[in-house]
Amino acid sequence: MSSEVKTLKVTLVKSTIGYNAKQRRIAQSLGLRRLQSSVIVDDTPTTRGMINKISHLLRVEEVSNS
């Protein structure tokens, strides 16, 4: 069993303008400040939950740890 934490590349592809404040705060807490910005985050249940809440604004890719 692997103890490595998987990572995800999350990119904001749609503006948060017009969406409620909670969704804007989720994008900011992921580290996404402006359109087309990307961050690498650990694949944990917490980050998956945040990604699922604003999945209509994001592009998510798995990143290999090699």
PDB file of N, CA and C in Angstrom:
ATOM      1  N   MET A   1       0.839  -1.177   0.000  1.00  0.00           N
ATOM      2  CA  MET A   1       0.000   0.000   0.000  1.00  0.00           C
ATOM      3  C   MET A   1       0.884   1.240   0.000  1.00  0.00           C
ATOM      4  N   SER A   2       0.567   2.169  -0.831  1.00  0.00           N
ATOM      5  CA  SER A   2       1.373   3.378  -0.976  1.00  0.00           C
ATOM      6  C   SER A   2       0.964   4.429   0.055  1.00  0.00           C
ATOM      7  N   SER A   3       1.962   5.027   0.701  1.00  0.00           N
ATOM      8  CA  SER A   3       1.664   6.083   1.670  1.00  0.00           C
ATOM      9  C   SER A   3       1.830   7.468   1.055  1.00  0.00           C
ATOM     10  N   GLU A   4       2.126   7.507  -0.246  1.00  0.00           N
ATOM     11  CA  GLU A   4       2.273   8.791  -0.921  1.00  0.00           C
ATOM     12  C   GLU A   4       0.918   9.486  -1.022  1.00  0.00           C
ATOM     13  N   VAL A   5       0.939  10.776  -0.845  1.00  0.00           N
ATOM     14  CA  VAL A   5      -0.276  11.567  -1.011  1.00  0.00           C
ATOM     15  C   VAL A   5      -0.360  11.979  -2.473  1.00  0.00           C
ATOM     16  N   LYS A   6      -1.481  11.686  -3.107  1.00  0.00           N
ATOM     17  CA  LYS A   6      -1.664  12.084  -4.497  1.00  0.00           C
ATOM     18  C   LYS A   6      -1.874  13.590  -4.555  1.00  0.00           C
ATOM     19  N   THR A   7      -1.506  14.180  -5.683  1.00  0.00           N
ATOM     20  CA  THR A   7      -1.684  15.618  -5.839  1.00  0.00           C
ATOM     21  C   THR A   7      -2.544  15.907  -7.063  1.00  0.00           C
ATOM     22  N   LEU A   8      -3.192  17.054  -7.016  1.00  0.00           N
ATOM     23  CA  LEU A   8      -4.067  17.496  -8.091  1.00  0.00           C
ATOM     24  C   LEU A   8      -3.660  18.891  -8.534  1.00  0.00           C
ATOM     25  N   LYS A   9      -3.744  19.129  -9.836  1.00  0.00           N
ATOM     26  CA  LYS A   9      -3.556  20.478 -10.369  1.00  0.00           C
ATOM     27  C   LYS A   9      -4.954  21.035 -10.633  1.00  0.00           C
ATOM     28  N   VAL A  10      -5.269  22.130  -9.959  1.00  0.00           N
ATOM     29  CA  VAL A  10      -6.595  22.742 -10.053  1.00  0.00           C
ATOM     30  C   VAL A  10      -6.445  24.093 -10.740  1.00  0.00           C
ATOM     31  N   THR A  11      -7.224  24.317 -11.804  1.00  0.00           N
ATOM     32  CA  THR A  11      -7.168  25.558 -12.574  1.00  0.00           C
ATOM     33  C   THR A  11      -8.546  26.205 -12.598  1.00  0.00           C
ATOM     34  N   LEU A  12      -8.587  27.503 -12.315  1.00  0.00           N
ATOM     35  CA  LEU A  12      -9.841  28.261 -12.380  1.00  0.00           C
ATOM     36  C   LEU A  12     -10.077  28.655 -13.839  1.00  0.00           C
ATOM     37  N   VAL A  13     -11.100  28.077 -14.473  1.00  0.00           N
ATOM     38  CA  VAL A  13     -11.349  28.330 -15.892  1.00  0.00           C
ATOM     39  C   VAL A  13     -12.567  29.219 -16.136  1.00  0.00           C
ATOM     40  N   LYS A  14     -13.347  29.482 -15.089  1.00  0.00           N
ATOM     41  CA  LYS A  14     -14.516  30.345 -15.223  1.00  0.00           C
ATOM     42  C   LYS A  14     -14.519  31.332 -14.070  1.00  0.00           C
ATOM     43  N   SER A  15     -14.893  32.560 -14.349  1.00  0.00           N
ATOM     44  CA  SER A  15     -14.883  33.617 -13.343  1.00  0.00           C
ATOM     45  C   SER A  15     -15.894  33.345 -12.232  1.00  0.00           C
ATOM     46  N   THR A  16     -15.567  33.819 -11.041  1.00  0.00           N
ATOM     47  CA  THR A  16     -16.478  33.680  -9.903  1.00  0.00           C
ATOM     48  C   THR A  16     -17.488  34.825  -9.833  1.00  0.00           C
ATOM     49  N   ILE A  17     -17.393  35.779 -10.752  1.00  0.00           N
ATOM     50  CA  ILE A  17     -18.356  36.880 -10.784  1.00  0.00           C
ATOM     51  C   ILE A  17     -19.748  36.309 -11.073  1.00  0.00           C
ATOM     52  N   GLY A  18     -20.713  36.734 -10.301  1.00  0.00           N
ATOM     53  CA  GLY A  18     -22.075  36.261 -10.487  1.00  0.00           C
ATOM     54  C   GLY A  18     -22.422  35.048  -9.647  1.00  0.00           C
ATOM     55  N   TYR A  19     -21.442  34.484  -8.964  1.00  0.00           N
ATOM     56  CA  TYR A  19     -21.688  33.354  -8.074  1.00  0.00           C
ATOM     57  C   TYR A  19     -21.692  33.851  -6.639  1.00  0.00           C
ATOM     58  N   ASN A  20     -22.276  33.072  -5.745  1.00  0.00           N
ATOM     59  CA  ASN A  20     -22.423  33.557  -4.376  1.00  0.00           C
ATOM     60  C   ASN A  20     -21.075  33.643  -3.651  1.00  0.00           C
ATOM     61  N   ALA A  21     -21.071  34.353  -2.553  1.00  0.00           N
ATOM     62  CA  ALA A  21     -19.836  34.632  -1.813  1.00  0.00           C
ATOM     63  C   ALA A  21     -19.181  33.358  -1.301  1.00  0.00           C
ATOM     64  N   LYS A  22     -19.970  32.366  -0.956  1.00  0.00           N
ATOM     65  CA  LYS A  22     -19.399  31.108  -0.456  1.00  0.00           C
ATOM     66  C   LYS A  22     -18.536  30.446  -1.526  1.00  0.00           C
ATOM     67  N   GLN A  23     -18.992  30.451  -2.772  1.00  0.00           N
ATOM     68  CA  GLN A  23     -18.215  29.851  -3.853  1.00  0.00           C
ATOM     69  C   GLN A  23     -16.954  30.659  -4.129  1.00  0.00           C
ATOM     70  N   ARG A  24     -17.028  31.979  -4.028  1.00  0.00           N
ATOM     71  CA  ARG A  24     -15.834  32.815  -4.205  1.00  0.00           C
ATOM     72  C   ARG A  24     -14.818  32.530  -3.111  1.00  0.00           C
ATOM     73  N   ARG A  25     -15.287  32.364  -1.865  1.00  0.00           N
ATOM     74  CA  ARG A  25     -14.389  32.062  -0.747  1.00  0.00           C
ATOM     75  C   ARG A  25     -13.733  30.694  -0.907  1.00  0.00           C
ATOM     76  N   ILE A  26     -14.452  29.723  -1.442  1.00  0.00           N
ATOM     77  CA  ILE A  26     -13.876  28.400  -1.671  1.00  0.00           C
ATOM     78  C   ILE A  26     -12.747  28.499  -2.690  1.00  0.00           C
ATOM     79  N   ALA A  27     -12.959  29.242  -3.775  1.00  0.00           N
ATOM     80  CA  ALA A  27     -11.907  29.418  -4.780  1.00  0.00           C
ATOM     81  C   ALA A  27     -10.691  30.095  -4.167  1.00  0.00           C
ATOM     82  N   GLN A  28     -10.909  31.110  -3.348  1.00  0.00           N
ATOM     83  CA  GLN A  28      -9.793  31.800  -2.702  1.00  0.00           C
ATOM     84  C   GLN A  28      -9.067  30.890  -1.727  1.00  0.00           C
ATOM     85  N   SER A  29      -9.794  30.062  -1.001  1.00  0.00           N
ATOM     86  CA  SER A  29      -9.150  29.179  -0.032  1.00  0.00           C
ATOM     87  C   SER A  29      -8.329  28.092  -0.717  1.00  0.00           C
ATOM     88  N   LEU A  30      -8.674  27.759  -1.952  1.00  0.00           N
ATOM     89  CA  LEU A  30      -7.854  26.829  -2.725  1.00  0.00           C
ATOM     90  C   LEU A  30      -6.606  27.512  -3.273  1.00  0.00           C
ATOM     91  N   GLY A  31      -6.552  28.832  -3.193  1.00  0.00           N
ATOM     92  CA  GLY A  31      -5.400  29.578  -3.692  1.00  0.00           C
ATOM     93  C   GLY A  31      -5.585  30.092  -5.101  1.00  0.00           C
ATOM     94  N   LEU A  32      -6.816  30.064  -5.593  1.00  0.00           N
ATOM     95  CA  LEU A  32      -7.115  30.509  -6.955  1.00  0.00           C
ATOM     96  C   LEU A  32      -7.556  31.959  -6.906  1.00  0.00           C
ATOM     97  N   ARG A  33      -6.705  32.851  -7.363  1.00  0.00           N
ATOM     98  CA  ARG A  33      -6.964  34.284  -7.238  1.00  0.00           C
ATOM     99  C   ARG A  33      -7.546  34.898  -8.509  1.00  0.00           C
ATOM    100  N   ARG A  34      -7.094  34.476  -9.670  1.00  0.00           N
ATOM    101  CA  ARG A  34      -7.588  35.067 -10.913  1.00  0.00           C
ATOM    102  C   ARG A  34      -7.801  33.974 -11.954  1.00  0.00           C
ATOM    103  N   LEU A  35      -8.461  34.331 -13.019  1.00  0.00           N
ATOM    104  CA  LEU A  35      -8.787  33.403 -14.085  1.00  0.00           C
ATOM    105  C   LEU A  35      -7.525  32.761 -14.650  1.00  0.00           C
ATOM    106  N   GLN A  36      -7.592  31.477 -14.934  1.00  0.00           N
ATOM    107  CA  GLN A  36      -6.496  30.667 -15.472  1.00  0.00           C
ATOM    108  C   GLN A  36      -5.348  30.456 -14.481  1.00  0.00           C
ATOM    109  N   SER A  37      -5.529  30.816 -13.217  1.00  0.00           N
ATOM    110  CA  SER A  37      -4.493  30.522 -12.227  1.00  0.00           C
ATOM    111  C   SER A  37      -4.610  29.054 -11.828  1.00  0.00           C
ATOM    112  N   SER A  38      -3.465  28.438 -11.537  1.00  0.00           N
ATOM    113  CA  SER A  38      -3.423  27.027 -11.172  1.00  0.00           C
ATOM    114  C   SER A  38      -2.692  26.850  -9.862  1.00  0.00           C
ATOM    115  N   VAL A  39      -3.075  25.836  -9.122  1.00  0.00           N
ATOM    116  CA  VAL A  39      -2.391  25.464  -7.890  1.00  0.00           C
ATOM    117  C   VAL A  39      -2.295  23.944  -7.835  1.00  0.00           C
ATOM    118  N   ILE A  40      -1.273  23.472  -7.131  1.00  0.00           N
ATOM    119  CA  ILE A  40      -1.117  22.050  -6.874  1.00  0.00           C
ATOM    120  C   ILE A  40      -1.557  21.816  -5.433  1.00  0.00           C
ATOM    121  N   VAL A  41      -2.538  20.937  -5.235  1.00  0.00           N
ATOM    122  CA  VAL A  41      -3.052  20.653  -3.895  1.00  0.00           C
ATOM    123  C   VAL A  41      -3.007  19.151  -3.641  1.00  0.00           C
ATOM    124  N   ASP A  42      -2.936  18.780  -2.363  1.00  0.00           N
ATOM    125  CA  ASP A  42      -2.991  17.371  -1.989  1.00  0.00           C
ATOM    126  C   ASP A  42      -4.404  16.847  -2.202  1.00  0.00           C
ATOM    127  N   ASP A  43      -4.492  15.585  -2.601  1.00  0.00           N
ATOM    128  CA  ASP A  43      -5.785  14.945  -2.830  1.00  0.00           C
ATOM    129  C   ASP A  43      -6.294  14.379  -1.506  1.00  0.00           C
ATOM    130  N   THR A  44      -6.992  15.222  -0.760  1.00  0.00           N
ATOM    131  CA  THR A  44      -7.560  14.820   0.526  1.00  0.00           C
ATOM    132  C   THR A  44      -9.075  14.971   0.459  1.00  0.00           C
ATOM    133  N   PRO A  45      -9.793  14.351   1.379  1.00  0.00           N
ATOM    134  CA  PRO A  45     -11.254  14.515   1.372  1.00  0.00           C
ATOM    135  C   PRO A  45     -11.692  15.976   1.496  1.00  0.00           C
ATOM    136  N   THR A  46     -10.934  16.771   2.232  1.00  0.00           N
ATOM    137  CA  THR A  46     -11.280  18.183   2.394  1.00  0.00           C
ATOM    138  C   THR A  46     -11.171  18.935   1.077  1.00  0.00           C
ATOM    139  N   THR A  47     -10.052  18.775   0.377  1.00  0.00           N
ATOM    140  CA  THR A  47      -9.890  19.476  -0.898  1.00  0.00           C
ATOM    141  C   THR A  47     -10.846  18.926  -1.949  1.00  0.00           C
ATOM    142  N   ARG A  48     -11.117  17.627  -1.919  1.00  0.00           N
ATOM    143  CA  ARG A  48     -12.089  17.051  -2.857  1.00  0.00           C
ATOM    144  C   ARG A  48     -13.473  17.660  -2.638  1.00  0.00           C
ATOM    145  N   GLY A  49     -13.833  17.876  -1.389  1.00  0.00           N
ATOM    146  CA  GLY A  49     -15.121  18.492  -1.086  1.00  0.00           C
ATOM    147  C   GLY A  49     -15.210  19.906  -1.618  1.00  0.00           C
ATOM    148  N   MET A  50     -14.126  20.686  -1.446  1.00  0.00           N
ATOM    149  CA  MET A  50     -14.117  22.055  -1.964  1.00  0.00           C
ATOM    150  C   MET A  50     -14.176  22.049  -3.483  1.00  0.00           C
ATOM    151  N   ILE A  51     -13.438  21.135  -4.110  1.00  0.00           N
ATOM    152  CA  ILE A  51     -13.439  21.037  -5.575  1.00  0.00           C
ATOM    153  C   ILE A  51     -14.834  20.666  -6.076  1.00  0.00           C
ATOM    154  N   ASN A  52     -15.500  19.740  -5.403  1.00  0.00           N
ATOM    155  CA  ASN A  52     -16.849  19.331  -5.825  1.00  0.00           C
ATOM    156  C   ASN A  52     -17.855  20.470  -5.725  1.00  0.00           C
ATOM    157  N   LYS A  53     -17.697  21.353  -4.740  1.00  0.00           N
ATOM    158  CA  LYS A  53     -18.625  22.476  -4.571  1.00  0.00           C
ATOM    159  C   LYS A  53     -18.539  23.479  -5.717  1.00  0.00           C
ATOM    160  N   ILE A  54     -17.344  23.641  -6.306  1.00  0.00           N
ATOM    161  CA  ILE A  54     -17.191  24.623  -7.390  1.00  0.00           C
ATOM    162  C   ILE A  54     -16.640  23.961  -8.658  1.00  0.00           C
ATOM    163  N   SER A  55     -16.996  22.702  -8.879  1.00  0.00           N
ATOM    164  CA  SER A  55     -16.468  21.956 -10.026  1.00  0.00           C
ATOM    165  C   SER A  55     -16.838  22.596 -11.364  1.00  0.00           C
ATOM    166  N   HIS A  56     -17.939  23.340 -11.406  1.00  0.00           N
ATOM    167  CA  HIS A  56     -18.366  24.005 -12.636  1.00  0.00           C
ATOM    168  C   HIS A  56     -17.440  25.172 -13.007  1.00  0.00           C
ATOM    169  N   LEU A  57     -16.552  25.575 -12.106  1.00  0.00           N
ATOM    170  CA  LEU A  57     -15.621  26.678 -12.363  1.00  0.00           C
ATOM    171  C   LEU A  57     -14.195  26.195 -12.606  1.00  0.00           C
ATOM    172  N   LEU A  58     -13.943  24.906 -12.423  1.00  0.00           N
ATOM    173  CA  LEU A  58     -12.573  24.397 -12.378  1.00  0.00           C
ATOM    174  C   LEU A  58     -12.277  23.367 -13.449  1.00  0.00           C
ATOM    175  N   ARG A  59     -10.968  23.195 -13.694  1.00  0.00           N
ATOM    176  CA  ARG A  59     -10.438  22.045 -14.431  1.00  0.00           C
ATOM    177  C   ARG A  59      -9.477  21.361 -13.470  1.00  0.00           C
ATOM    178  N   VAL A  60      -9.628  20.055 -13.292  1.00  0.00           N
ATOM    179  CA  VAL A  60      -8.824  19.306 -12.328  1.00  0.00           C
ATOM    180  C   VAL A  60      -8.070  18.211 -13.065  1.00  0.00           C
ATOM    181  N   GLU A  61      -6.758  18.121 -12.794  1.00  0.00           N
ATOM    182  CA  GLU A  61      -5.913  17.096 -13.400  1.00  0.00           C
ATOM    183  C   GLU A  61      -5.090  16.427 -12.309  1.00  0.00           C
ATOM    184  N   GLU A  62      -4.890  15.110 -12.432  1.00  0.00           N
ATOM    185  CA  GLU A  62      -4.009  14.415 -11.499  1.00  0.00           C
ATOM    186  C   GLU A  62      -2.573  14.677 -11.912  1.00  0.00           C
ATOM    187  N   VAL A  63      -1.702  14.856 -10.918  1.00  0.00           N
ATOM    188  CA  VAL A  63      -0.294  15.128 -11.167  1.00  0.00           C
ATOM    189  C   VAL A  63       0.505  13.947 -10.643  1.00  0.00           C
ATOM    190  N   SER A  64       1.424  13.444 -11.467  1.00  0.00           N
ATOM    191  CA  SER A  64       2.264  12.337 -11.007  1.00  0.00           C
ATOM    192  C   SER A  64       3.353  12.870 -10.090  1.00  0.00           C
ATOM    193  N   ASN A  65       3.723  12.089  -9.103  1.00  0.00           N
ATOM    194  CA  ASN A  65       4.707  12.508  -8.110  1.00  0.00           C
ATOM    195  C   ASN A  65       6.115  12.048  -8.456  1.00  0.00           C
ATOM    196  N   SER A  66       6.408  11.853  -9.720  1.00  0.00           N
ATOM    197  CA  SER A  66       7.749  11.386 -10.079  1.00  0.00           C
ATOM    198  C   SER A  66       8.680  12.500 -10.453  1.00  0.00           C
TER     199      SER A  66
END
